[in-house]
Amino acid sequence: MVNTRPMKQLLILTLFFTSQVAAYAGGFRFPNVAYAYAKMHYFNIELEAPHMNQPSIYRDGIYAETKVGNGQIVSEEMHNEILNIFKHGADELVYGLSKCYLPHHGIIYYNDRHEPVASLSICFACDQIKIWSKEPIKFEDDYTKFDYPKAEKQMADLEKTFRKAGYLIYKRGDEWKQYAAHFDTLNHFESPDTLLFDAKKDTFDHVFFLHEPITLETHEQLMVSRWAPKLKLDQDTLMNTSEIFKTYSYGKDYVLTYKKGKNTGKLLSLEANGPHLVLPGGIRVGMSFEEVSRLLNDRLKMNPSEHIIIRSKQYHLSLTFHWQTLTQIKLDLI
């Protein structure tokens, strides 16, 4: 017998969240798009690496690669409270009540196809939030019109809501190490396992379509964000009169190697340690293990593994995870 409970739960969540958006039609709505469910994530938890500070848990196709774990479903009660907190607007909080900003809590809102449609990122220490939606929202930026007492109450209410839901919040400087140390104790976030798959046998070829070669002219289509870094030519090696090997890179974040023939080009390998590069099947750095598993037809163990290796006659694809989050993609075409 097929277990229909997860689908029923998803349908209930869809109906609930859609109805709640409609219920707040008279005031500010966030998210301002219909969605099926939401998940809360921690991110930016390695506080000794400020260069990894990322302002949004998800924005314009890009996940924060510092995101931890598969996330936790936001309850109906918590969602309702957040709607109520923001019903009179969030302009002051988007602008920020202090100059610093290091968010550690982020909510991603997904549609019924499990695609992110909105996100909320919160820094409780700095009293500031970032809001992203597929449907842009315009916020007031004239601080002379701001209601700061309202904003301070909103942050206080948000903190109460998150604490009541059981989420960790540390605000004082002497608590940062305790905050980060908490995640080191969660051993289930780490697993030394390596999962090996045969692409043809396990029908995983959809994760990297090989029907058309990726050439020098089309490789930029892999970089999804408008903030994608510009790849630079590092090495240009002439093998003979008709073949040139070209290697492009952007620091340690991306390296792509091509074999350029007389009339065509072929991608030979790529390595991605940043979130801007997306494989044709949808896989990108910053995805949770659960999301990658879903793209692979839910064929993986749901106990997170450190590595996934998929092999076919055409390519080897290696995915590396840390704290249930995809941190590195390596692809070698044969």
C-alpha atoms as a PDB file:
ATOM      1  CA  MET A   1       0.000   0.000   0.000  1.00  0.00           C
ATOM      2  CA  VAL A   2       1.328   3.448  -0.934  1.00  0.00           C
ATOM      3  CA  ASN A   3       1.858   5.778   2.016  1.00  0.00           C
ATOM      4  CA  THR A   4      -0.092   8.930   1.162  1.00  0.00           C
ATOM      5  CA  ARG A   5       0.459  10.653   4.495  1.00  0.00           C
ATOM      6  CA  PRO A   6       3.378  12.918   3.353  1.00  0.00           C
ATOM      7  CA  MET A   7       1.346  14.153   0.364  1.00  0.00           C
ATOM      8  CA  LYS A   8      -1.677  14.790   2.571  1.00  0.00           C
ATOM      9  CA  GLN A   9       0.498  16.741   4.992  1.00  0.00           C
ATOM     10  CA  LEU A  10       1.924  18.777   2.111  1.00  0.00           C
ATOM     11  CA  LEU A  11      -1.583  19.505   0.811  1.00  0.00           C
ATOM     12  CA  ILE A  12      -2.703  20.628   4.273  1.00  0.00           C
ATOM     13  CA  LEU A  13       0.319  22.907   4.557  1.00  0.00           C
ATOM     14  CA  THR A  14      -0.353  24.326   1.091  1.00  0.00           C
ATOM     15  CA  LEU A  15      -3.964  25.094   1.915  1.00  0.00           C
ATOM     16  CA  PHE A  16      -3.023  26.554   5.279  1.00  0.00           C
ATOM     17  CA  PHE A  17      -0.284  28.861   4.059  1.00  0.00           C
ATOM     18  CA  THR A  18      -2.279  29.998   1.029  1.00  0.00           C
ATOM     19  CA  SER A  19      -5.284  30.818   3.216  1.00  0.00           C
ATOM     20  CA  GLN A  20      -3.091  32.665   5.699  1.00  0.00           C
ATOM     21  CA  VAL A  21      -1.651  34.871   2.945  1.00  0.00           C
ATOM     22  CA  ALA A  22      -5.200  35.733   1.896  1.00  0.00           C
ATOM     23  CA  ALA A  23      -6.211  36.429   5.507  1.00  0.00           C
ATOM     24  CA  TYR A  24      -3.590  39.170   5.786  1.00  0.00           C
ATOM     25  CA  ALA A  25      -4.543  40.798   2.486  1.00  0.00           C
ATOM     26  CA  GLY A  26      -5.299  44.102   4.243  1.00  0.00           C
ATOM     27  CA  GLY A  27      -1.733  44.677   5.482  1.00  0.00           C
ATOM     28  CA  PHE A  28       1.879  43.828   4.703  1.00  0.00           C
ATOM     29  CA  ARG A  29       2.231  40.175   3.691  1.00  0.00           C
ATOM     30  CA  PHE A  30       5.335  38.078   3.872  1.00  0.00           C
ATOM     31  CA  PRO A  31       5.800  35.947   2.036  1.00  0.00           C
ATOM     32  CA  ASN A  32       3.867  37.721  -0.682  1.00  0.00           C
ATOM     33  CA  VAL A  33       3.732  34.576  -2.829  1.00  0.00           C
ATOM     34  CA  ALA A  34       1.843  31.313  -2.401  1.00  0.00           C
ATOM     35  CA  TYR A  35       3.951  28.480  -0.989  1.00  0.00           C
ATOM     36  CA  ALA A  36       3.517  24.954   0.294  1.00  0.00           C
ATOM     37  CA  TYR A  37       5.826  24.780   3.305  1.00  0.00           C
ATOM     38  CA  ALA A  38       8.712  26.567   5.004  1.00  0.00           C
ATOM     39  CA  LYS A  39      11.922  25.382   6.687  1.00  0.00           C
ATOM     40  CA  MET A  40      14.091  27.105   9.281  1.00  0.00           C
ATOM     41  CA  HIS A  41      17.859  26.808   8.880  1.00  0.00           C
ATOM     42  CA  TYR A  42      20.872  27.952  10.881  1.00  0.00           C
ATOM     43  CA  PHE A  43      23.721  29.496   8.898  1.00  0.00           C
ATOM     44  CA  ASN A  44      26.961  31.494   9.394  1.00  0.00           C
ATOM     45  CA  ILE A  45      27.703  29.392  12.458  1.00  0.00           C
ATOM     46  CA  GLU A  46      31.486  29.201  12.002  1.00  0.00           C
ATOM     47  CA  LEU A  47      32.059  32.546  13.615  1.00  0.00           C
ATOM     48  CA  GLU A  48      35.843  32.487  13.299  1.00  0.00           C
ATOM     49  CA  ALA A  49      35.458  32.765   9.512  1.00  0.00           C
ATOM     50  CA  PRO A  50      33.843  36.182   9.007  1.00  0.00           C
ATOM     51  CA  HIS A  51      34.718  36.064   5.319  1.00  0.00           C
ATOM     52  CA  MET A  52      32.027  33.414   5.057  1.00  0.00           C
ATOM     53  CA  ASN A  53      29.359  35.781   6.385  1.00  0.00           C
ATOM     54  CA  GLN A  54      26.417  35.481   4.007  1.00  0.00           C
ATOM     55  CA  PRO A  55      23.524  37.934   4.264  1.00  0.00           C
ATOM     56  CA  SER A  56      20.705  35.691   2.998  1.00  0.00           C
ATOM     57  CA  ILE A  57      19.839  32.049   3.529  1.00  0.00           C
ATOM     58  CA  TYR A  58      18.602  31.987  -0.094  1.00  0.00           C
ATOM     59  CA  ARG A  59      18.335  34.691  -2.742  1.00  0.00           C
ATOM     60  CA  ASP A  60      17.933  34.714  -6.537  1.00  0.00           C
ATOM     61  CA  GLY A  61      18.799  31.042  -7.020  1.00  0.00           C
ATOM     62  CA  ILE A  62      21.701  31.047  -4.560  1.00  0.00           C
ATOM     63  CA  TYR A  63      21.809  29.185  -1.250  1.00  0.00           C
ATOM     64  CA  ALA A  64      24.081  30.231   1.586  1.00  0.00           C
ATOM     65  CA  GLU A  65      26.722  27.510   1.482  1.00  0.00           C
ATOM     66  CA  THR A  66      27.122  27.984   5.258  1.00  0.00           C
ATOM     67  CA  LYS A  67      23.569  26.664   5.716  1.00  0.00           C
ATOM     68  CA  VAL A  68      23.434  23.810   8.244  1.00  0.00           C
ATOM     69  CA  GLY A  69      21.390  20.670   7.863  1.00  0.00           C
ATOM     70  CA  ASN A  70      18.130  19.804   6.174  1.00  0.00           C
ATOM     71  CA  GLY A  71      16.180  22.406   8.118  1.00  0.00           C
ATOM     72  CA  GLN A  72      13.084  22.093  10.290  1.00  0.00           C
ATOM     73  CA  ILE A  73       9.510  22.567   9.126  1.00  0.00           C
ATOM     74  CA  VAL A  74       8.057  25.849  10.430  1.00  0.00           C
ATOM     75  CA  SER A  75       4.953  25.057  12.457  1.00  0.00           C
ATOM     76  CA  GLU A  76       1.549  26.596  11.764  1.00  0.00           C
ATOM     77  CA  GLU A  77       1.715  28.390  15.103  1.00  0.00           C
ATOM     78  CA  MET A  78       5.111  29.913  14.380  1.00  0.00           C
ATOM     79  CA  HIS A  79       4.101  30.920  10.868  1.00  0.00           C
ATOM     80  CA  ASN A  80       0.971  32.604  12.201  1.00  0.00           C
ATOM     81  CA  GLU A  81       2.991  34.552  14.765  1.00  0.00           C
ATOM     82  CA  ILE A  82       5.468  35.772  12.126  1.00  0.00           C
ATOM     83  CA  LEU A  83       2.588  36.930   9.928  1.00  0.00           C
ATOM     84  CA  ASN A  84       1.166  38.862  12.864  1.00  0.00           C
ATOM     85  CA  ILE A  85       4.538  40.453  13.721  1.00  0.00           C
ATOM     86  CA  PHE A  86       4.998  41.751  10.171  1.00  0.00           C
ATOM     87  CA  LYS A  87       1.401  42.783   9.467  1.00  0.00           C
ATOM     88  CA  HIS A  88       2.231  46.498   9.897  1.00  0.00           C
ATOM     89  CA  GLY A  89       5.318  46.331   7.674  1.00  0.00           C
ATOM     90  CA  ALA A  90       9.000  45.524   8.135  1.00  0.00           C
ATOM     91  CA  ASP A  91      10.687  48.574   6.573  1.00  0.00           C
ATOM     92  CA  GLU A  92      12.678  49.524   9.676  1.00  0.00           C
ATOM     93  CA  LEU A  93      14.017  46.005  10.169  1.00  0.00           C
ATOM     94  CA  VAL A  94      15.030  45.643   6.515  1.00  0.00           C
ATOM     95  CA  TYR A  95      16.890  48.950   6.827  1.00  0.00           C
ATOM     96  CA  GLY A  96      18.369  47.732  10.127  1.00  0.00           C
ATOM     97  CA  LEU A  97      18.519  49.088  13.659  1.00  0.00           C
ATOM     98  CA  SER A  98      22.328  48.857  13.818  1.00  0.00           C
ATOM     99  CA  LYS A  99      25.247  48.943  11.388  1.00  0.00           C
ATOM    100  CA  CYS A 100      26.382  45.355  11.904  1.00  0.00           C
ATOM    101  CA  TYR A 101      24.662  42.329  10.390  1.00  0.00           C
ATOM    102  CA  LEU A 102      25.571  38.670  10.912  1.00  0.00           C
ATOM    103  CA  PRO A 103      22.435  36.527  10.496  1.00  0.00           C
ATOM    104  CA  HIS A 104      22.277  33.024  11.931  1.00  0.00           C
ATOM    105  CA  HIS A 105      18.620  32.124  11.305  1.00  0.00           C
ATOM    106  CA  GLY A 106      16.944  31.794   7.926  1.00  0.00           C
ATOM    107  CA  ILE A 107      13.566  30.570   6.737  1.00  0.00           C
ATOM    108  CA  ILE A 108      13.177  29.327   3.160  1.00  0.00           C
ATOM    109  CA  TYR A 109       9.669  29.109   1.699  1.00  0.00           C
ATOM    110  CA  TYR A 110       9.087  26.398  -0.932  1.00  0.00           C
ATOM    111  CA  ASN A 111       6.346  25.828  -3.487  1.00  0.00           C
ATOM    112  CA  ASP A 112       4.750  22.429  -4.096  1.00  0.00           C
ATOM    113  CA  ARG A 113       7.591  21.570  -6.511  1.00  0.00           C
ATOM    114  CA  HIS A 114      10.082  22.083  -3.647  1.00  0.00           C
ATOM    115  CA  GLU A 115      11.478  25.226  -5.302  1.00  0.00           C
ATOM    116  CA  PRO A 116      12.399  28.218  -3.091  1.00  0.00           C
ATOM    117  CA  VAL A 117      10.052  31.161  -3.657  1.00  0.00           C
ATOM    118  CA  ALA A 118      10.904  33.422  -0.707  1.00  0.00           C
ATOM    119  CA  SER A 119      13.284  33.715   2.233  1.00  0.00           C
ATOM    120  CA  LEU A 120      13.648  35.514   5.552  1.00  0.00           C
ATOM    121  CA  SER A 121      17.095  35.954   7.160  1.00  0.00           C
ATOM    122  CA  ILE A 122      17.430  37.313  10.690  1.00  0.00           C
ATOM    123  CA  CYS A 123      20.237  38.738  12.815  1.00  0.00           C
ATOM    124  CA  PHE A 124      18.933  38.905  16.384  1.00  0.00           C
ATOM    125  CA  ALA A 125      22.127  40.535  17.665  1.00  0.00           C
ATOM    126  CA  CYS A 126      21.900  43.419  15.197  1.00  0.00           C
ATOM    127  CA  ASP A 127      18.101  43.761  14.935  1.00  0.00           C
ATOM    128  CA  GLN A 128      18.062  43.441  11.162  1.00  0.00           C
ATOM    129  CA  ILE A 129      16.435  41.163   8.615  1.00  0.00           C
ATOM    130  CA  LYS A 130      16.753  40.447   4.898  1.00  0.00           C
ATOM    131  CA  ILE A 131      13.695  39.557   2.867  1.00  0.00           C
ATOM    132  CA  TRP A 132      13.748  38.024  -0.618  1.00  0.00           C
ATOM    133  CA  SER A 133      10.822  36.972  -2.786  1.00  0.00           C
ATOM    134  CA  LYS A 134      10.305  35.875  -6.375  1.00  0.00           C
ATOM    135  CA  GLU A 135       7.831  38.754  -6.487  1.00  0.00           C
ATOM    136  CA  PRO A 136       9.871  41.848  -5.528  1.00  0.00           C
ATOM    137  CA  ILE A 137       8.786  43.868  -2.497  1.00  0.00           C
ATOM    138  CA  LYS A 138       9.502  47.597  -2.240  1.00  0.00           C
ATOM    139  CA  PHE A 139      10.432  48.825   1.226  1.00  0.00           C
ATOM    140  CA  GLU A 140      10.433  52.361   2.575  1.00  0.00           C
ATOM    141  CA  ASP A 141      14.006  53.669   2.875  1.00  0.00           C
ATOM    142  CA  ASP A 142      13.301  57.132   4.313  1.00  0.00           C
ATOM    143  CA  TYR A 143      14.450  56.701   7.904  1.00  0.00           C
ATOM    144  CA  THR A 144      12.690  59.915   8.936  1.00  0.00           C
ATOM    145  CA  LYS A 145       9.415  57.997   8.545  1.00  0.00           C
ATOM    146  CA  PHE A 146      10.498  55.000  10.562  1.00  0.00           C
ATOM    147  CA  ASP A 147       8.701  53.837  13.694  1.00  0.00           C
ATOM    148  CA  TYR A 148      11.628  52.549  15.742  1.00  0.00           C
ATOM    149  CA  PRO A 149       9.623  51.534  18.859  1.00  0.00           C
ATOM    150  CA  LYS A 150       7.476  49.355  16.572  1.00  0.00           C
ATOM    151  CA  ALA A 151      10.585  47.772  15.037  1.00  0.00           C
ATOM    152  CA  GLU A 152      12.163  47.073  18.422  1.00  0.00           C
ATOM    153  CA  LYS A 153       8.977  45.350  19.553  1.00  0.00           C
ATOM    154  CA  GLN A 154       8.901  43.337  16.332  1.00  0.00           C
ATOM    155  CA  MET A 155      12.416  42.015  16.968  1.00  0.00           C
ATOM    156  CA  ALA A 156      11.580  41.231  20.584  1.00  0.00           C
ATOM    157  CA  ASP A 157       8.478  39.353  19.456  1.00  0.00           C
ATOM    158  CA  LEU A 158      10.462  37.490  16.782  1.00  0.00           C
ATOM    159  CA  GLU A 159      12.983  36.415  19.391  1.00  0.00           C
ATOM    160  CA  LYS A 160      10.212  35.154  21.664  1.00  0.00           C
ATOM    161  CA  THR A 161       8.672  33.254  18.761  1.00  0.00           C
ATOM    162  CA  PHE A 162      11.959  31.564  17.837  1.00  0.00           C
ATOM    163  CA  ARG A 163      12.816  30.719  21.438  1.00  0.00           C
ATOM    164  CA  LYS A 164       9.353  29.275  22.022  1.00  0.00           C
ATOM    165  CA  ALA A 165       9.852  27.052  18.962  1.00  0.00           C
ATOM    166  CA  GLY A 166      13.054  25.744  20.540  1.00  0.00           C
ATOM    167  CA  TYR A 167      15.622  27.446  18.297  1.00  0.00           C
ATOM    168  CA  LEU A 168      18.995  28.519  19.704  1.00  0.00           C
ATOM    169  CA  ILE A 169      19.619  32.241  19.990  1.00  0.00           C
ATOM    170  CA  TYR A 170      22.814  33.704  21.400  1.00  0.00           C
ATOM    171  CA  LYS A 171      23.178  37.486  21.371  1.00  0.00           C
ATOM    172  CA  ARG A 172      26.103  38.387  23.630  1.00  0.00           C
ATOM    173  CA  GLY A 173      29.703  38.289  22.474  1.00  0.00           C
ATOM    174  CA  ASP A 174      30.718  35.796  25.151  1.00  0.00           C
ATOM    175  CA  GLU A 175      28.078  33.352  23.893  1.00  0.00           C
ATOM    176  CA  TRP A 176      29.287  32.992  20.278  1.00  0.00           C
ATOM    177  CA  LYS A 177      31.631  30.085  21.003  1.00  0.00           C
ATOM    178  CA  GLN A 178      28.866  28.287  22.874  1.00  0.00           C
ATOM    179  CA  TYR A 179      26.575  28.831  19.892  1.00  0.00           C
ATOM    180  CA  ALA A 180      29.083  27.350  17.422  1.00  0.00           C
ATOM    181  CA  ALA A 181      30.078  24.527  19.783  1.00  0.00           C
ATOM    182  CA  HIS A 182      26.477  23.328  19.915  1.00  0.00           C
ATOM    183  CA  PHE A 183      26.645  22.223  16.272  1.00  0.00           C
ATOM    184  CA  ASP A 184      29.842  20.263  16.825  1.00  0.00           C
ATOM    185  CA  THR A 185      27.915  18.045  19.239  1.00  0.00           C
ATOM    186  CA  LEU A 186      25.342  17.081  16.628  1.00  0.00           C
ATOM    187  CA  ASN A 187      27.084  13.988  15.347  1.00  0.00           C
ATOM    188  CA  HIS A 188      24.188  13.038  13.072  1.00  0.00           C
ATOM    189  CA  PHE A 189      25.136  16.014  10.900  1.00  0.00           C
ATOM    190  CA  GLU A 190      28.290  14.158   9.906  1.00  0.00           C
ATOM    191  CA  SER A 191      28.725  10.734   8.367  1.00  0.00           C
ATOM    192  CA  PRO A 192      31.923   9.298   6.871  1.00  0.00           C
ATOM    193  CA  ASP A 193      29.934   7.178   4.436  1.00  0.00           C
ATOM    194  CA  THR A 194      30.464   7.330   0.683  1.00  0.00           C
ATOM    195  CA  LEU A 195      27.507   6.334  -1.471  1.00  0.00           C
ATOM    196  CA  LEU A 196      28.459   4.896  -4.877  1.00  0.00           C
ATOM    197  CA  PHE A 197      25.990   4.740  -7.754  1.00  0.00           C
ATOM    198  CA  ASP A 198      25.997   3.628 -11.355  1.00  0.00           C
ATOM    199  CA  ALA A 199      24.302   6.405 -13.299  1.00  0.00           C
ATOM    200  CA  LYS A 200      22.642   4.134 -15.847  1.00  0.00           C
ATOM    201  CA  LYS A 201      21.622   1.426 -13.411  1.00  0.00           C
ATOM    202  CA  ASP A 202      20.225   3.899 -10.896  1.00  0.00           C
ATOM    203  CA  THR A 203      18.753   6.217 -13.579  1.00  0.00           C
ATOM    204  CA  PHE A 204      20.720   9.233 -12.383  1.00  0.00           C
ATOM    205  CA  ASP A 205      21.672  10.590 -15.802  1.00  0.00           C
ATOM    206  CA  HIS A 206      19.153  13.382 -15.340  1.00  0.00           C
ATOM    207  CA  VAL A 207      21.508  15.115 -12.867  1.00  0.00           C
ATOM    208  CA  PHE A 208      23.787  16.047 -15.747  1.00  0.00           C
ATOM    209  CA  PHE A 209      22.317  16.099 -19.233  1.00  0.00           C
ATOM    210  CA  LEU A 210      24.833  15.067 -21.871  1.00  0.00           C
ATOM    211  CA  HIS A 211      22.602  15.311 -24.921  1.00  0.00           C
ATOM    212  CA  GLU A 212      24.332  18.528 -25.972  1.00  0.00           C
ATOM    213  CA  PRO A 213      27.977  19.377 -25.246  1.00  0.00           C
ATOM    214  CA  ILE A 214      28.675  22.293 -22.904  1.00  0.00           C
ATOM    215  CA  THR A 215      30.992  24.553 -24.853  1.00  0.00           C
ATOM    216  CA  LEU A 216      32.971  27.708 -24.187  1.00  0.00           C
ATOM    217  CA  GLU A 217      30.050  29.645 -25.609  1.00  0.00           C
ATOM    218  CA  THR A 218      27.470  28.075 -23.287  1.00  0.00           C
ATOM    219  CA  HIS A 219      29.300  27.563 -19.985  1.00  0.00           C
ATOM    220  CA  GLU A 220      28.010  30.845 -18.554  1.00  0.00           C
ATOM    221  CA  GLN A 221      24.525  29.329 -18.575  1.00  0.00           C
ATOM    222  CA  LEU A 222      25.702  27.198 -15.653  1.00  0.00           C
ATOM    223  CA  MET A 223      26.191  30.315 -13.499  1.00  0.00           C
ATOM    224  CA  VAL A 224      22.705  31.153 -12.303  1.00  0.00           C
ATOM    225  CA  SER A 225      23.129  34.373 -10.333  1.00  0.00           C
ATOM    226  CA  ARG A 226      23.496  37.878 -11.692  1.00  0.00           C
ATOM    227  CA  TRP A 227      26.292  38.164  -9.113  1.00  0.00           C
ATOM    228  CA  ALA A 228      28.096  35.170 -10.580  1.00  0.00           C
ATOM    229  CA  PRO A 229      31.865  35.714 -10.656  1.00  0.00           C
ATOM    230  CA  LYS A 230      33.537  36.163 -14.028  1.00  0.00           C
ATOM    231  CA  LEU A 231      35.727  33.184 -14.868  1.00  0.00           C
ATOM    232  CA  LYS A 232      39.226  34.037 -16.041  1.00  0.00           C
ATOM    233  CA  LEU A 233      41.432  32.088 -18.435  1.00  0.00           C
ATOM    234  CA  ASP A 234      44.276  30.615 -16.373  1.00  0.00           C
ATOM    235  CA  GLN A 235      45.875  28.306 -18.893  1.00  0.00           C
ATOM    236  CA  ASP A 236      45.751  27.918 -22.651  1.00  0.00           C
ATOM    237  CA  THR A 237      47.630  24.802 -23.829  1.00  0.00           C
ATOM    238  CA  LEU A 238      48.046  23.990 -27.508  1.00  0.00           C
ATOM    239  CA  MET A 239      48.171  20.195 -27.858  1.00  0.00           C
ATOM    240  CA  ASN A 240      48.448  20.171 -31.625  1.00  0.00           C
ATOM    241  CA  THR A 241      47.287  22.268 -34.554  1.00  0.00           C
ATOM    242  CA  SER A 242      43.631  21.421 -33.942  1.00  0.00           C
ATOM    243  CA  GLU A 243      43.211  21.025 -30.164  1.00  0.00           C
ATOM    244  CA  ILE A 244      43.569  23.533 -27.335  1.00  0.00           C
ATOM    245  CA  PHE A 245      42.954  22.823 -23.659  1.00  0.00           C
ATOM    246  CA  LYS A 246      41.588  25.867 -21.848  1.00  0.00           C
ATOM    247  CA  THR A 247      41.300  26.151 -18.064  1.00  0.00           C
ATOM    248  CA  TYR A 248      39.135  28.853 -16.533  1.00  0.00           C
ATOM    249  CA  SER A 249      38.871  29.644 -12.834  1.00  0.00           C
ATOM    250  CA  TYR A 250      37.676  32.097 -10.233  1.00  0.00           C
ATOM    251  CA  GLY A 251      39.990  31.727  -7.242  1.00  0.00           C
ATOM    252  CA  LYS A 252      39.271  28.438  -5.498  1.00  0.00           C
ATOM    253  CA  ASP A 253      35.527  28.718  -6.055  1.00  0.00           C
ATOM    254  CA  TYR A 254      35.312  27.470  -9.642  1.00  0.00           C
ATOM    255  CA  VAL A 255      37.609  25.681 -12.079  1.00  0.00           C
ATOM    256  CA  LEU A 256      36.449  24.563 -15.537  1.00  0.00           C
ATOM    257  CA  THR A 257      38.579  22.853 -18.200  1.00  0.00           C
ATOM    258  CA  TYR A 258      37.630  22.605 -21.862  1.00  0.00           C
ATOM    259  CA  LYS A 259      38.975  20.815 -24.881  1.00  0.00           C
ATOM    260  CA  LYS A 260      38.582  23.177 -27.808  1.00  0.00           C
ATOM    261  CA  GLY A 261      38.649  21.620 -31.245  1.00  0.00           C
ATOM    262  CA  LYS A 262      38.488  23.202 -34.669  1.00  0.00           C
ATOM    263  CA  ASN A 263      34.726  23.602 -34.769  1.00  0.00           C
ATOM    264  CA  THR A 264      33.506  22.693 -31.314  1.00  0.00           C
ATOM    265  CA  GLY A 265      34.345  22.730 -27.625  1.00  0.00           C
ATOM    266  CA  LYS A 266      33.788  20.115 -24.954  1.00  0.00           C
ATOM    267  CA  LEU A 267      33.748  20.485 -21.195  1.00  0.00           C
ATOM    268  CA  LEU A 268      36.263  18.066 -19.666  1.00  0.00           C
ATOM    269  CA  SER A 269      35.947  18.825 -15.975  1.00  0.00           C
ATOM    270  CA  LEU A 270      34.607  21.283 -13.459  1.00  0.00           C
ATOM    271  CA  GLU A 271      34.927  21.912  -9.749  1.00  0.00           C
ATOM    272  CA  ALA A 272      32.575  24.151  -7.795  1.00  0.00           C
ATOM    273  CA  ASN A 273      33.064  25.193  -4.180  1.00  0.00           C
ATOM    274  CA  GLY A 274      30.697  28.140  -4.441  1.00  0.00           C
ATOM    275  CA  PRO A 275      26.941  28.370  -4.969  1.00  0.00           C
ATOM    276  CA  HIS A 276      26.660  30.117  -8.336  1.00  0.00           C
ATOM    277  CA  LEU A 277      27.243  27.113 -10.584  1.00  0.00           C
ATOM    278  CA  VAL A 278      24.193  24.920 -11.134  1.00  0.00           C
ATOM    279  CA  LEU A 279      24.293  21.605 -12.967  1.00  0.00           C
ATOM    280  CA  PRO A 280      21.609  21.191 -15.653  1.00  0.00           C
ATOM    281  CA  GLY A 281      19.782  18.766 -13.344  1.00  0.00           C
ATOM    282  CA  GLY A 282      19.517  21.492 -10.688  1.00  0.00           C
ATOM    283  CA  ILE A 283      22.237  20.474  -8.212  1.00  0.00           C
ATOM    284  CA  ARG A 284      24.214  23.355  -6.675  1.00  0.00           C
ATOM    285  CA  VAL A 285      26.416  24.056  -3.662  1.00  0.00           C
ATOM    286  CA  GLY A 286      24.371  25.019  -0.614  1.00  0.00           C
ATOM    287  CA  MET A 287      21.617  22.464  -1.163  1.00  0.00           C
ATOM    288  CA  SER A 288      20.725  20.223   1.750  1.00  0.00           C
ATOM    289  CA  PHE A 289      21.266  16.469   1.555  1.00  0.00           C
ATOM    290  CA  GLU A 290      17.505  16.051   1.498  1.00  0.00           C
ATOM    291  CA  GLU A 291      17.129  18.325  -1.534  1.00  0.00           C
ATOM    292  CA  VAL A 292      19.886  16.521  -3.431  1.00  0.00           C
ATOM    293  CA  SER A 293      18.256  13.205  -2.578  1.00  0.00           C
ATOM    294  CA  ARG A 294      14.984  14.451  -4.019  1.00  0.00           C
ATOM    295  CA  LEU A 295      16.698  15.449  -7.278  1.00  0.00           C
ATOM    296  CA  LEU A 296      18.154  11.952  -7.429  1.00  0.00           C
ATOM    297  CA  ASN A 297      14.665  10.442  -7.332  1.00  0.00           C
ATOM    298  CA  ASP A 298      14.813   9.868  -3.568  1.00  0.00           C
ATOM    299  CA  ARG A 299      17.122   6.919  -4.150  1.00  0.00           C
ATOM    300  CA  LEU A 300      19.603   7.880  -1.421  1.00  0.00           C
ATOM    301  CA  LYS A 301      19.712   6.852   2.196  1.00  0.00           C
ATOM    302  CA  MET A 302      18.145   9.618   4.229  1.00  0.00           C
ATOM    303  CA  ASN A 303      20.985   9.283   6.739  1.00  0.00           C
ATOM    304  CA  PRO A 304      23.299  12.028   5.422  1.00  0.00           C
ATOM    305  CA  SER A 305      26.590  10.879   3.941  1.00  0.00           C
ATOM    306  CA  GLU A 306      29.808  12.772   3.462  1.00  0.00           C
ATOM    307  CA  HIS A 307      30.227  11.840  -0.199  1.00  0.00           C
ATOM    308  CA  ILE A 308      28.079  10.761  -3.115  1.00  0.00           C
ATOM    309  CA  ILE A 309      29.819   9.455  -6.232  1.00  0.00           C
ATOM    310  CA  ILE A 310      27.845   8.800  -9.419  1.00  0.00           C
ATOM    311  CA  ARG A 311      29.594   7.072 -12.309  1.00  0.00           C
ATOM    312  CA  SER A 312      28.616   6.509 -15.893  1.00  0.00           C
ATOM    313  CA  LYS A 313      30.473   5.734 -19.113  1.00  0.00           C
ATOM    314  CA  GLN A 314      30.435   9.449 -19.899  1.00  0.00           C
ATOM    315  CA  TYR A 315      31.252  11.071 -16.547  1.00  0.00           C
ATOM    316  CA  HIS A 316      32.104  10.805 -12.861  1.00  0.00           C
ATOM    317  CA  LEU A 317      30.199  13.158 -10.554  1.00  0.00           C
ATOM    318  CA  SER A 318      31.378  13.646  -6.954  1.00  0.00           C
ATOM    319  CA  LEU A 319      29.326  15.514  -4.339  1.00  0.00           C
ATOM    320  CA  THR A 320      30.804  16.388  -0.930  1.00  0.00           C
ATOM    321  CA  PHE A 321      28.689  17.320   2.105  1.00  0.00           C
ATOM    322  CA  HIS A 322      29.417  18.981   5.436  1.00  0.00           C
ATOM    323  CA  TRP A 323      26.715  19.226   8.118  1.00  0.00           C
ATOM    324  CA  GLN A 324      24.163  17.860   5.592  1.00  0.00           C
ATOM    325  CA  THR A 325      24.918  20.709   3.173  1.00  0.00           C
ATOM    326  CA  LEU A 326      26.492  20.284  -0.271  1.00  0.00           C
ATOM    327  CA  THR A 327      29.867  22.052  -0.201  1.00  0.00           C
ATOM    328  CA  GLN A 328      31.679  20.797  -3.313  1.00  0.00           C
ATOM    329  CA  ILE A 329      30.805  19.518  -6.790  1.00  0.00           C
ATOM    330  CA  LYS A 330      33.367  17.778  -8.994  1.00  0.00           C
ATOM    331  CA  LEU A 331      32.599  16.544 -12.494  1.00  0.00           C
ATOM    332  CA  ASP A 332      34.975  14.713 -14.845  1.00  0.00           C
ATOM    333  CA  LEU A 333      33.824  13.788 -18.319  1.00  0.00           C
ATOM    334  CA  ILE A 334      35.434  10.749 -19.868  1.00  0.00           C
END
